[in-house]
Amino acid sequence: MSERKPINALVLSIYQELAEAFFEPLESDPNHELTLDNFQISFDLVAGDPGQDPTFEEHIAKANAIAIIARFLDVLSLDKIKMIYRHLPNDLNVPLAIFLLRDKGEVDFKISCPSCGQKLWLRDTDITKRGRCPNCKKPFVILSQGDHLKSQLMLPENVPIIKLIRNDMESFRSAIAKLLGTLSIGIKPMTRDMADEALKNATVRVQIPRTPNATWNTANVNPNCNLIL
């Protein structure tokens, strides 16, 4: 039996807790390693501000692939994701992907109003519709979570955004295979019918007109109300 080729995947996360959620499928392995086809994949982790980590460039130098872990896309979270992305070298020559982590069965996701920054929660079924922020009353077209992130980071086409279901080994293996798919090492991305699930954690719901002639519902909204998860 041929020896498996080692692969080092660098995981970048804005919070330690988010990184721990990412690694849940590997909890039974103290080394946090994954065998995929004929390859042995180990994971390196940097959580928090990479600018505060004096060894960040060393982590980058030894990485064969890099994944940024994201969950919510409110203003604060986006700023932290942008901070990580901007610390990556311009001449990065390894595969890069962003994993959108979500719980199984979630059909809502959290962003901030593009005009006032109010935290909003949206449904996947509302994507491409026009909504209005209950706080500033300004309308906007609702993008998918992935499209919203692409526009905010101005990601090139070769940086995929991959949905990852929390604590689901099949989803985890599929996401890693897709990340490594551009390497010339023989790994083929797995196939899996994954619903366009999104995240649930929010404050207020965006109003959607029921019919083309419908008027906006501008009921009073408490900007501090929280969705009970």
C-alpha atoms as a PDB file:
ATOM      1  CA  MET A   1       0.000   0.000   0.000  1.00  0.00           C
ATOM      2  CA  SER A   2       1.451   3.367  -1.050  1.00  0.00           C
ATOM      3  CA  GLU A   3       2.150   5.986   1.591  1.00  0.00           C
ATOM      4  CA  ARG A   4      -0.418   8.757   1.828  1.00  0.00           C
ATOM      5  CA  LYS A   5       0.704  12.207   0.727  1.00  0.00           C
ATOM      6  CA  PRO A   6       0.601  14.775   3.567  1.00  0.00           C
ATOM      7  CA  ILE A   7      -1.404  17.949   3.034  1.00  0.00           C
ATOM      8  CA  ASN A   8      -1.451  20.901   5.426  1.00  0.00           C
ATOM      9  CA  ALA A   9      -4.651  22.971   5.422  1.00  0.00           C
ATOM     10  CA  LEU A  10      -4.569  26.310   7.234  1.00  0.00           C
ATOM     11  CA  VAL A  11      -7.856  27.316   8.887  1.00  0.00           C
ATOM     12  CA  LEU A  12      -8.401  31.020   9.619  1.00  0.00           C
ATOM     13  CA  SER A  13     -11.239  31.999  11.937  1.00  0.00           C
ATOM     14  CA  ILE A  14     -12.360  35.271  13.497  1.00  0.00           C
ATOM     15  CA  TYR A  15     -13.189  33.507  16.778  1.00  0.00           C
ATOM     16  CA  GLN A  16     -11.781  30.485  18.583  1.00  0.00           C
ATOM     17  CA  GLU A  17     -15.350  29.233  19.204  1.00  0.00           C
ATOM     18  CA  LEU A  18     -16.067  29.277  15.466  1.00  0.00           C
ATOM     19  CA  ALA A  19     -12.941  27.251  14.796  1.00  0.00           C
ATOM     20  CA  GLU A  20     -13.991  24.710  17.415  1.00  0.00           C
ATOM     21  CA  ALA A  21     -17.370  24.367  15.701  1.00  0.00           C
ATOM     22  CA  PHE A  22     -15.573  23.772  12.384  1.00  0.00           C
ATOM     23  CA  PHE A  23     -13.483  20.966  13.876  1.00  0.00           C
ATOM     24  CA  GLU A  24     -16.422  19.149  15.518  1.00  0.00           C
ATOM     25  CA  PRO A  25     -16.450  16.305  12.935  1.00  0.00           C
ATOM     26  CA  LEU A  26     -12.844  15.520  13.928  1.00  0.00           C
ATOM     27  CA  GLU A  27     -13.376  15.515  17.696  1.00  0.00           C
ATOM     28  CA  SER A  28     -12.683  11.785  17.918  1.00  0.00           C
ATOM     29  CA  ASP A  29      -9.198  12.351  16.459  1.00  0.00           C
ATOM     30  CA  PRO A  30      -6.917  14.204  18.910  1.00  0.00           C
ATOM     31  CA  ASN A  31      -4.648  15.163  16.013  1.00  0.00           C
ATOM     32  CA  HIS A  32      -7.503  16.666  13.975  1.00  0.00           C
ATOM     33  CA  GLU A  33      -6.451  14.827  10.822  1.00  0.00           C
ATOM     34  CA  LEU A  34      -8.528  13.653   7.874  1.00  0.00           C
ATOM     35  CA  THR A  35      -7.842  10.852   5.417  1.00  0.00           C
ATOM     36  CA  LEU A  36      -9.208  11.683   1.979  1.00  0.00           C
ATOM     37  CA  ASP A  37      -8.467   9.327  -0.915  1.00  0.00           C
ATOM     38  CA  ASN A  38      -4.693   8.738  -0.756  1.00  0.00           C
ATOM     39  CA  PHE A  39      -3.945  11.866   1.231  1.00  0.00           C
ATOM     40  CA  GLN A  40      -3.478  12.590   4.903  1.00  0.00           C
ATOM     41  CA  ILE A  41      -4.711  16.093   5.698  1.00  0.00           C
ATOM     42  CA  SER A  42      -3.609  17.881   8.844  1.00  0.00           C
ATOM     43  CA  PHE A  43      -5.032  21.209   9.967  1.00  0.00           C
ATOM     44  CA  ASP A  44      -3.279  24.305  11.221  1.00  0.00           C
ATOM     45  CA  LEU A  45      -5.319  27.004  12.978  1.00  0.00           C
ATOM     46  CA  VAL A  46      -5.034  30.752  13.442  1.00  0.00           C
ATOM     47  CA  ALA A  47      -7.971  32.322  15.304  1.00  0.00           C
ATOM     48  CA  GLY A  48      -8.458  36.036  15.808  1.00  0.00           C
ATOM     49  CA  ASP A  49      -6.511  38.952  14.358  1.00  0.00           C
ATOM     50  CA  PRO A  50      -3.613  37.611  12.244  1.00  0.00           C
ATOM     51  CA  GLY A  51      -1.888  40.958  12.675  1.00  0.00           C
ATOM     52  CA  GLN A  52      -1.431  40.098  16.349  1.00  0.00           C
ATOM     53  CA  ASP A  53       0.162  36.724  15.566  1.00  0.00           C
ATOM     54  CA  PRO A  54       3.929  37.068  14.961  1.00  0.00           C
ATOM     55  CA  THR A  55       3.991  33.563  13.427  1.00  0.00           C
ATOM     56  CA  PHE A  56       1.232  34.234  10.866  1.00  0.00           C
ATOM     57  CA  GLU A  57       3.634  34.337   7.895  1.00  0.00           C
ATOM     58  CA  GLU A  58       5.076  31.001   8.999  1.00  0.00           C
ATOM     59  CA  HIS A  59       1.587  29.469   9.015  1.00  0.00           C
ATOM     60  CA  ILE A  60       1.015  30.800   5.481  1.00  0.00           C
ATOM     61  CA  ALA A  61       4.364  29.532   4.226  1.00  0.00           C
ATOM     62  CA  LYS A  62       3.712  25.923   5.200  1.00  0.00           C
ATOM     63  CA  ALA A  63       0.086  25.786   4.025  1.00  0.00           C
ATOM     64  CA  ASN A  64      -0.937  23.733   0.985  1.00  0.00           C
ATOM     65  CA  ALA A  65      -4.444  25.233   1.119  1.00  0.00           C
ATOM     66  CA  ILE A  66      -6.251  27.899   3.160  1.00  0.00           C
ATOM     67  CA  ALA A  67      -9.852  28.130   4.391  1.00  0.00           C
ATOM     68  CA  ILE A  68     -11.470  31.139   6.060  1.00  0.00           C
ATOM     69  CA  ILE A  69     -14.379  30.162   8.323  1.00  0.00           C
ATOM     70  CA  ALA A  70     -17.416  32.463   8.429  1.00  0.00           C
ATOM     71  CA  ARG A  71     -20.871  32.222   9.974  1.00  0.00           C
ATOM     72  CA  PHE A  72     -22.703  35.551  10.363  1.00  0.00           C
ATOM     73  CA  LEU A  73     -22.217  38.492   8.000  1.00  0.00           C
ATOM     74  CA  ASP A  74     -23.240  41.440  10.137  1.00  0.00           C
ATOM     75  CA  VAL A  75     -20.995  44.524  10.014  1.00  0.00           C
ATOM     76  CA  LEU A  76     -18.794  43.463  12.933  1.00  0.00           C
ATOM     77  CA  SER A  77     -18.248  39.942  11.591  1.00  0.00           C
ATOM     78  CA  LEU A  78     -17.597  41.235   8.069  1.00  0.00           C
ATOM     79  CA  ASP A  79     -14.973  43.652   9.336  1.00  0.00           C
ATOM     80  CA  LYS A  80     -13.143  40.797  11.046  1.00  0.00           C
ATOM     81  CA  ILE A  81     -13.370  38.588   7.937  1.00  0.00           C
ATOM     82  CA  LYS A  82     -12.021  41.442   5.809  1.00  0.00           C
ATOM     83  CA  MET A  83      -9.170  41.876   8.285  1.00  0.00           C
ATOM     84  CA  ILE A  84      -8.162  38.229   7.823  1.00  0.00           C
ATOM     85  CA  TYR A  85      -8.533  38.332   4.040  1.00  0.00           C
ATOM     86  CA  ARG A  86      -6.398  41.473   3.718  1.00  0.00           C
ATOM     87  CA  HIS A  87      -3.568  39.867   5.674  1.00  0.00           C
ATOM     88  CA  LEU A  88      -3.165  37.182   3.020  1.00  0.00           C
ATOM     89  CA  PRO A  89      -0.290  37.784   0.588  1.00  0.00           C
ATOM     90  CA  ASN A  90      -1.190  39.184  -2.845  1.00  0.00           C
ATOM     91  CA  ASP A  91       0.877  36.465  -4.517  1.00  0.00           C
ATOM     92  CA  LEU A  92      -0.841  33.596  -2.700  1.00  0.00           C
ATOM     93  CA  ASN A  93      -0.243  30.458  -4.769  1.00  0.00           C
ATOM     94  CA  VAL A  94      -2.279  27.874  -2.860  1.00  0.00           C
ATOM     95  CA  PRO A  95      -6.042  27.175  -3.047  1.00  0.00           C
ATOM     96  CA  LEU A  96      -8.199  29.503  -0.971  1.00  0.00           C
ATOM     97  CA  ALA A  97     -11.872  29.105  -0.071  1.00  0.00           C
ATOM     98  CA  ILE A  98     -14.349  30.547   2.388  1.00  0.00           C
ATOM     99  CA  PHE A  99     -16.491  28.076   4.326  1.00  0.00           C
ATOM    100  CA  LEU A 100     -19.917  29.321   5.426  1.00  0.00           C
ATOM    101  CA  LEU A 101     -20.687  27.305   8.535  1.00  0.00           C
ATOM    102  CA  ARG A 102     -24.320  26.721   9.486  1.00  0.00           C
ATOM    103  CA  ASP A 103     -26.420  24.370  11.541  1.00  0.00           C
ATOM    104  CA  LYS A 104     -28.367  21.624   9.843  1.00  0.00           C
ATOM    105  CA  GLY A 105     -31.861  22.681   8.840  1.00  0.00           C
ATOM    106  CA  GLU A 106     -31.312  26.427   9.103  1.00  0.00           C
ATOM    107  CA  VAL A 107     -33.083  28.415   6.405  1.00  0.00           C
ATOM    108  CA  ASP A 108     -32.352  31.968   7.583  1.00  0.00           C
ATOM    109  CA  PHE A 109     -29.198  34.027   7.546  1.00  0.00           C
ATOM    110  CA  LYS A 110     -27.915  37.165   9.211  1.00  0.00           C
ATOM    111  CA  ILE A 111     -26.460  40.258   7.557  1.00  0.00           C
ATOM    112  CA  SER A 112     -26.473  44.001   8.244  1.00  0.00           C
ATOM    113  CA  CYS A 113     -28.422  46.654   6.375  1.00  0.00           C
ATOM    114  CA  PRO A 114     -26.133  48.022   3.628  1.00  0.00           C
ATOM    115  CA  SER A 115     -27.277  51.577   4.454  1.00  0.00           C
ATOM    116  CA  CYS A 116     -27.420  51.873   8.257  1.00  0.00           C
ATOM    117  CA  GLY A 117     -25.754  48.704   9.554  1.00  0.00           C
ATOM    118  CA  GLN A 118     -28.851  47.414  11.381  1.00  0.00           C
ATOM    119  CA  LYS A 119     -28.587  43.665  11.966  1.00  0.00           C
ATOM    120  CA  LEU A 120     -31.190  41.846   9.900  1.00  0.00           C
ATOM    121  CA  TRP A 121     -32.250  38.259   9.497  1.00  0.00           C
ATOM    122  CA  LEU A 122     -33.427  37.070   6.114  1.00  0.00           C
ATOM    123  CA  ARG A 123     -34.902  33.922   4.626  1.00  0.00           C
ATOM    124  CA  ASP A 124     -33.352  32.046   1.742  1.00  0.00           C
ATOM    125  CA  THR A 125     -36.742  32.279   0.051  1.00  0.00           C
ATOM    126  CA  ASP A 126     -36.382  36.092   0.058  1.00  0.00           C
ATOM    127  CA  ILE A 127     -33.213  36.079  -2.074  1.00  0.00           C
ATOM    128  CA  THR A 128     -33.466  38.321  -5.204  1.00  0.00           C
ATOM    129  CA  LYS A 129     -36.489  40.142  -3.751  1.00  0.00           C
ATOM    130  CA  ARG A 130     -36.485  43.782  -2.680  1.00  0.00           C
ATOM    131  CA  GLY A 131     -36.687  44.319   1.054  1.00  0.00           C
ATOM    132  CA  ARG A 132     -36.759  47.369   3.274  1.00  0.00           C
ATOM    133  CA  CYS A 133     -34.765  47.860   6.442  1.00  0.00           C
ATOM    134  CA  PRO A 134     -37.155  48.341   9.390  1.00  0.00           C
ATOM    135  CA  ASN A 135     -34.674  50.766  10.965  1.00  0.00           C
ATOM    136  CA  CYS A 136     -33.696  53.245   8.226  1.00  0.00           C
ATOM    137  CA  LYS A 137     -36.588  52.346   5.857  1.00  0.00           C
ATOM    138  CA  LYS A 138     -34.243  52.198   2.845  1.00  0.00           C
ATOM    139  CA  PRO A 139     -34.939  49.430   0.285  1.00  0.00           C
ATOM    140  CA  PHE A 140     -32.327  47.039  -1.060  1.00  0.00           C
ATOM    141  CA  VAL A 141     -32.128  43.874  -3.154  1.00  0.00           C
ATOM    142  CA  ILE A 142     -31.566  40.797  -0.992  1.00  0.00           C
ATOM    143  CA  LEU A 143     -28.510  38.823  -2.065  1.00  0.00           C
ATOM    144  CA  SER A 144     -27.667  35.311  -1.019  1.00  0.00           C
ATOM    145  CA  GLN A 145     -25.214  35.094   1.832  1.00  0.00           C
ATOM    146  CA  GLY A 146     -22.495  33.941  -0.548  1.00  0.00           C
ATOM    147  CA  ASP A 147     -23.130  36.723  -3.066  1.00  0.00           C
ATOM    148  CA  HIS A 148     -23.193  39.287  -0.264  1.00  0.00           C
ATOM    149  CA  LEU A 149     -19.813  38.069   0.969  1.00  0.00           C
ATOM    150  CA  LYS A 150     -18.357  38.038  -2.556  1.00  0.00           C
ATOM    151  CA  SER A 151     -19.407  41.637  -3.100  1.00  0.00           C
ATOM    152  CA  GLN A 152     -18.067  42.799   0.261  1.00  0.00           C
ATOM    153  CA  LEU A 153     -14.661  41.146  -0.166  1.00  0.00           C
ATOM    154  CA  MET A 154     -14.535  41.639  -3.954  1.00  0.00           C
ATOM    155  CA  LEU A 155     -13.484  38.003  -4.271  1.00  0.00           C
ATOM    156  CA  PRO A 156     -11.999  36.767  -7.547  1.00  0.00           C
ATOM    157  CA  GLU A 157     -13.801  33.949  -9.343  1.00  0.00           C
ATOM    158  CA  ASN A 158     -11.194  31.392  -8.291  1.00  0.00           C
ATOM    159  CA  VAL A 159     -12.053  31.798  -4.590  1.00  0.00           C
ATOM    160  CA  PRO A 160     -15.153  29.671  -3.940  1.00  0.00           C
ATOM    161  CA  ILE A 161     -17.614  30.122  -1.098  1.00  0.00           C
ATOM    162  CA  ILE A 162     -18.547  26.661   0.180  1.00  0.00           C
ATOM    163  CA  LYS A 163     -21.448  25.883   2.478  1.00  0.00           C
ATOM    164  CA  LEU A 164     -20.550  23.613   5.351  1.00  0.00           C
ATOM    165  CA  ILE A 165     -23.077  21.970   7.669  1.00  0.00           C
ATOM    166  CA  ARG A 166     -21.898  21.946  11.248  1.00  0.00           C
ATOM    167  CA  ASN A 167     -20.815  18.622  12.747  1.00  0.00           C
ATOM    168  CA  ASP A 168     -21.627  16.724   9.531  1.00  0.00           C
ATOM    169  CA  MET A 169     -18.734  14.536   8.393  1.00  0.00           C
ATOM    170  CA  GLU A 170     -20.043  14.089   4.860  1.00  0.00           C
ATOM    171  CA  SER A 171     -20.388  17.859   4.423  1.00  0.00           C
ATOM    172  CA  PHE A 172     -16.957  18.366   6.021  1.00  0.00           C
ATOM    173  CA  ARG A 173     -15.241  15.903   3.680  1.00  0.00           C
ATOM    174  CA  SER A 174     -17.012  17.397   0.675  1.00  0.00           C
ATOM    175  CA  ALA A 175     -15.944  20.934   1.613  1.00  0.00           C
ATOM    176  CA  ILE A 176     -12.312  19.916   2.107  1.00  0.00           C
ATOM    177  CA  ALA A 177     -12.303  18.038  -1.205  1.00  0.00           C
ATOM    178  CA  LYS A 178     -13.645  21.122  -2.975  1.00  0.00           C
ATOM    179  CA  LEU A 179     -10.982  23.284  -1.345  1.00  0.00           C
ATOM    180  CA  LEU A 180      -8.264  20.923  -2.509  1.00  0.00           C
ATOM    181  CA  GLY A 181      -9.846  20.303  -5.903  1.00  0.00           C
ATOM    182  CA  THR A 182      -7.576  22.802  -7.645  1.00  0.00           C
ATOM    183  CA  LEU A 183      -4.435  21.075  -6.425  1.00  0.00           C
ATOM    184  CA  SER A 184      -2.870  18.676  -8.895  1.00  0.00           C
ATOM    185  CA  ILE A 185      -3.006  15.828  -6.415  1.00  0.00           C
ATOM    186  CA  GLY A 186      -5.862  13.756  -7.738  1.00  0.00           C
ATOM    187  CA  ILE A 187      -8.567  14.670  -5.257  1.00  0.00           C
ATOM    188  CA  LYS A 188     -11.940  15.016  -6.949  1.00  0.00           C
ATOM    189  CA  PRO A 189     -14.615  17.123  -5.237  1.00  0.00           C
ATOM    190  CA  MET A 190     -17.424  15.019  -3.834  1.00  0.00           C
ATOM    191  CA  THR A 191     -20.996  15.513  -4.896  1.00  0.00           C
ATOM    192  CA  ARG A 192     -23.762  16.213  -2.427  1.00  0.00           C
ATOM    193  CA  ASP A 193     -27.209  17.773  -2.772  1.00  0.00           C
ATOM    194  CA  MET A 194     -27.016  20.423  -0.103  1.00  0.00           C
ATOM    195  CA  ALA A 195     -29.921  22.774   0.415  1.00  0.00           C
ATOM    196  CA  ASP A 196     -29.208  26.484   0.337  1.00  0.00           C
ATOM    197  CA  GLU A 197     -29.464  26.643   4.085  1.00  0.00           C
ATOM    198  CA  ALA A 198     -28.354  29.768   5.881  1.00  0.00           C
ATOM    199  CA  LEU A 199     -27.932  31.135   9.299  1.00  0.00           C
ATOM    200  CA  LYS A 200     -30.338  32.029  12.036  1.00  0.00           C
ATOM    201  CA  ASN A 201     -29.361  34.743  14.461  1.00  0.00           C
ATOM    202  CA  ALA A 202     -30.856  38.025  14.005  1.00  0.00           C
ATOM    203  CA  THR A 203     -32.572  41.021  15.284  1.00  0.00           C
ATOM    204  CA  VAL A 204     -35.330  42.085  12.911  1.00  0.00           C
ATOM    205  CA  ARG A 205     -36.985  40.720   9.808  1.00  0.00           C
ATOM    206  CA  VAL A 206     -36.855  42.543   6.497  1.00  0.00           C
ATOM    207  CA  GLN A 207     -40.272  43.361   5.012  1.00  0.00           C
ATOM    208  CA  ILE A 208     -41.087  41.824   1.626  1.00  0.00           C
ATOM    209  CA  PRO A 209     -44.035  43.068  -0.478  1.00  0.00           C
ATOM    210  CA  ARG A 210     -46.616  40.313  -0.934  1.00  0.00           C
ATOM    211  CA  THR A 211     -47.622  41.344  -4.450  1.00  0.00           C
ATOM    212  CA  PRO A 212     -46.156  43.692  -7.105  1.00  0.00           C
ATOM    213  CA  ASN A 213     -48.625  46.350  -5.949  1.00  0.00           C
ATOM    214  CA  ALA A 214     -48.177  45.755  -2.248  1.00  0.00           C
ATOM    215  CA  THR A 215     -47.161  48.582   0.048  1.00  0.00           C
ATOM    216  CA  TRP A 216     -44.314  48.323   2.523  1.00  0.00           C
ATOM    217  CA  ASN A 217     -45.071  47.256   6.053  1.00  0.00           C
ATOM    218  CA  THR A 218     -43.246  49.717   8.252  1.00  0.00           C
ATOM    219  CA  ALA A 219     -44.376  48.602  11.668  1.00  0.00           C
ATOM    220  CA  ASN A 220     -42.398  49.787  14.656  1.00  0.00           C
ATOM    221  CA  VAL A 221     -39.267  47.724  15.185  1.00  0.00           C
ATOM    222  CA  ASN A 222     -37.133  47.398  18.247  1.00  0.00           C
ATOM    223  CA  PRO A 223     -33.532  47.533  16.960  1.00  0.00           C
ATOM    224  CA  ASN A 224     -32.376  45.453  19.915  1.00  0.00           C
ATOM    225  CA  CYS A 225     -34.828  42.576  19.559  1.00  0.00           C
ATOM    226  CA  ASN A 226     -33.183  39.179  19.207  1.00  0.00           C
ATOM    227  CA  LEU A 227     -34.339  36.020  17.519  1.00  0.00           C
ATOM    228  CA  ILE A 228     -34.536  33.166  19.997  1.00  0.00           C
ATOM    229  CA  LEU A 229     -32.411  30.315  18.620  1.00  0.00           C
END
